[in-house]
Amino acid sequence: MLDIKAHIKGKGLSCPFCGSSSIQGGFIEIETGKAFQRMGCTECEAQWQDIYELIDMIPDINPYPVQEVTNERIPNKAPGLAGLLGQCDRD
């Protein structure tokens, strides 16, 4: 029996259909102020989507600044295999 209120009150830790704690979650998709996660029960095989809302924030007191992640390739300055083998021949 579907019990959405009990599922929310229980913090989403069990299946809202059968009550089993054998649940699995997929990737979390984020939109403005909300996040969505596909869920599934391994007992009754029910599927549903949990919805999360932004309710608060905590200022970050980390003294280390966040570094921007880019997709730029870093040049490889290490010698290739041929260079390493050449060094072995010289020794």
C-alpha atoms as a PDB file:
ATOM      1  CA  MET A   1       0.000   0.000   0.000  1.00  0.00           C
ATOM      2  CA  LEU A   2       1.410   3.391  -1.026  1.00  0.00           C
ATOM      3  CA  ASP A   3       1.999   5.653   1.995  1.00  0.00           C
ATOM      4  CA  ILE A   4       3.645   8.894   0.851  1.00  0.00           C
ATOM      5  CA  LYS A   5       3.299  10.683   4.215  1.00  0.00           C
ATOM      6  CA  ALA A   6       4.994   7.826   6.091  1.00  0.00           C
ATOM      7  CA  HIS A   7       7.745   7.732   3.437  1.00  0.00           C
ATOM      8  CA  ILE A   8       8.485  11.446   3.926  1.00  0.00           C
ATOM      9  CA  LYS A   9       8.228  11.229   7.724  1.00  0.00           C
ATOM     10  CA  GLY A  10      10.661   8.284   7.645  1.00  0.00           C
ATOM     11  CA  LYS A  11      13.167  10.401   5.646  1.00  0.00           C
ATOM     12  CA  GLY A  12      12.810   8.146   2.588  1.00  0.00           C
ATOM     13  CA  LEU A  13      14.705   5.247   4.175  1.00  0.00           C
ATOM     14  CA  SER A  14      12.162   2.610   3.165  1.00  0.00           C
ATOM     15  CA  CYS A  15       9.923   1.659   0.249  1.00  0.00           C
ATOM     16  CA  PRO A  16       6.685   3.688   0.276  1.00  0.00           C
ATOM     17  CA  PHE A  17       4.871   0.665  -1.217  1.00  0.00           C
ATOM     18  CA  CYS A  18       5.924  -2.309   0.928  1.00  0.00           C
ATOM     19  CA  GLY A  19       7.947  -0.709   3.760  1.00  0.00           C
ATOM     20  CA  SER A  20      11.147  -2.642   3.009  1.00  0.00           C
ATOM     21  CA  SER A  21      14.469  -0.958   3.747  1.00  0.00           C
ATOM     22  CA  SER A  22      16.009  -2.726   0.721  1.00  0.00           C
ATOM     23  CA  ILE A  23      15.944   0.302  -1.571  1.00  0.00           C
ATOM     24  CA  GLN A  24      18.415   1.678  -4.086  1.00  0.00           C
ATOM     25  CA  GLY A  25      18.799   5.149  -5.531  1.00  0.00           C
ATOM     26  CA  GLY A  26      20.052   6.367  -8.880  1.00  0.00           C
ATOM     27  CA  PHE A  27      21.811   9.570  -9.878  1.00  0.00           C
ATOM     28  CA  ILE A  28      20.562  12.830  -8.386  1.00  0.00           C
ATOM     29  CA  GLU A  29      19.370  15.371 -10.948  1.00  0.00           C
ATOM     30  CA  ILE A  30      19.459  18.987  -9.783  1.00  0.00           C
ATOM     31  CA  GLU A  31      17.236  21.839 -10.910  1.00  0.00           C
ATOM     32  CA  THR A  32      16.753  25.281  -9.407  1.00  0.00           C
ATOM     33  CA  GLY A  33      16.038  24.726  -5.713  1.00  0.00           C
ATOM     34  CA  LYS A  34      15.133  21.037  -6.154  1.00  0.00           C
ATOM     35  CA  ALA A  35      16.783  17.682  -6.723  1.00  0.00           C
ATOM     36  CA  PHE A  36      15.248  14.449  -8.039  1.00  0.00           C
ATOM     37  CA  GLN A  37      16.374  10.858  -7.530  1.00  0.00           C
ATOM     38  CA  ARG A  38      14.933   7.726  -9.093  1.00  0.00           C
ATOM     39  CA  MET A  39      14.496   5.023  -6.471  1.00  0.00           C
ATOM     40  CA  GLY A  40      13.677   1.332  -6.542  1.00  0.00           C
ATOM     41  CA  CYS A  41      12.800  -1.417  -4.078  1.00  0.00           C
ATOM     42  CA  THR A  42      14.632  -4.733  -4.399  1.00  0.00           C
ATOM     43  CA  GLU A  43      11.851  -6.544  -2.490  1.00  0.00           C
ATOM     44  CA  CYS A  44       8.634  -5.558  -4.315  1.00  0.00           C
ATOM     45  CA  GLU A  45      10.354  -4.044  -7.417  1.00  0.00           C
ATOM     46  CA  ALA A  46       8.387  -0.784  -7.093  1.00  0.00           C
ATOM     47  CA  GLN A  47       9.924   2.351  -8.603  1.00  0.00           C
ATOM     48  CA  TRP A  48       9.407   5.980  -7.683  1.00  0.00           C
ATOM     49  CA  GLN A  49      11.154   9.334  -7.653  1.00  0.00           C
ATOM     50  CA  ASP A  50      12.173  11.121  -4.446  1.00  0.00           C
ATOM     51  CA  ILE A  51      12.132  14.926  -4.582  1.00  0.00           C
ATOM     52  CA  TYR A  52      14.452  17.039  -2.426  1.00  0.00           C
ATOM     53  CA  GLU A  53      14.077  20.780  -1.790  1.00  0.00           C
ATOM     54  CA  LEU A  54      16.671  23.329  -0.719  1.00  0.00           C
ATOM     55  CA  ILE A  55      15.700  24.332   2.816  1.00  0.00           C
ATOM     56  CA  ASP A  56      18.840  26.004   4.151  1.00  0.00           C
ATOM     57  CA  MET A  57      22.522  26.689   3.518  1.00  0.00           C
ATOM     58  CA  ILE A  58      25.651  26.775   5.637  1.00  0.00           C
ATOM     59  CA  PRO A  59      28.465  29.220   4.814  1.00  0.00           C
ATOM     60  CA  ASP A  60      31.695  27.428   3.944  1.00  0.00           C
ATOM     61  CA  ILE A  61      34.462  28.272   6.389  1.00  0.00           C
ATOM     62  CA  ASN A  62      37.071  26.300   4.450  1.00  0.00           C
ATOM     63  CA  PRO A  63      40.249  28.421   4.249  1.00  0.00           C
ATOM     64  CA  TYR A  64      41.120  26.797   0.907  1.00  0.00           C
ATOM     65  CA  PRO A  65      39.423  28.362  -2.130  1.00  0.00           C
ATOM     66  CA  VAL A  66      37.447  26.147  -4.472  1.00  0.00           C
ATOM     67  CA  GLN A  67      39.358  25.538  -7.661  1.00  0.00           C
ATOM     68  CA  GLU A  68      37.553  25.627 -10.975  1.00  0.00           C
ATOM     69  CA  VAL A  69      37.502  22.310 -12.800  1.00  0.00           C
ATOM     70  CA  THR A  70      38.089  22.485 -16.538  1.00  0.00           C
ATOM     71  CA  ASN A  71      38.249  19.951 -19.327  1.00  0.00           C
ATOM     72  CA  GLU A  72      41.549  21.316 -20.613  1.00  0.00           C
ATOM     73  CA  ARG A  73      44.250  18.752 -21.188  1.00  0.00           C
ATOM     74  CA  ILE A  74      47.417  19.138 -19.162  1.00  0.00           C
ATOM     75  CA  PRO A  75      50.491  18.724 -21.373  1.00  0.00           C
ATOM     76  CA  ASN A  76      52.384  15.528 -20.622  1.00  0.00           C
ATOM     77  CA  LYS A  77      56.004  16.485 -19.994  1.00  0.00           C
ATOM     78  CA  ALA A  78      57.072  13.014 -18.915  1.00  0.00           C
ATOM     79  CA  PRO A  79      59.359  11.151 -21.304  1.00  0.00           C
ATOM     80  CA  GLY A  80      57.639   8.593 -23.459  1.00  0.00           C
ATOM     81  CA  LEU A  81      58.438   4.890 -23.400  1.00  0.00           C
ATOM     82  CA  ALA A  82      61.124   5.340 -26.061  1.00  0.00           C
ATOM     83  CA  GLY A  83      62.796   8.032 -23.941  1.00  0.00           C
ATOM     84  CA  LEU A  84      62.752   5.819 -20.872  1.00  0.00           C
ATOM     85  CA  LEU A  85      64.174   2.875 -22.791  1.00  0.00           C
ATOM     86  CA  GLY A  86      66.865   5.106 -24.230  1.00  0.00           C
ATOM     87  CA  GLN A  87      67.880   6.123 -20.696  1.00  0.00           C
ATOM     88  CA  CYS A  88      68.201   2.432 -19.765  1.00  0.00           C
ATOM     89  CA  ASP A  89      70.563   1.843 -22.711  1.00  0.00           C
ATOM     90  CA  ARG A  90      72.840   4.663 -21.565  1.00  0.00           C
ATOM     91  CA  ASP A  91      73.261   3.308 -18.047  1.00  0.00           C
END
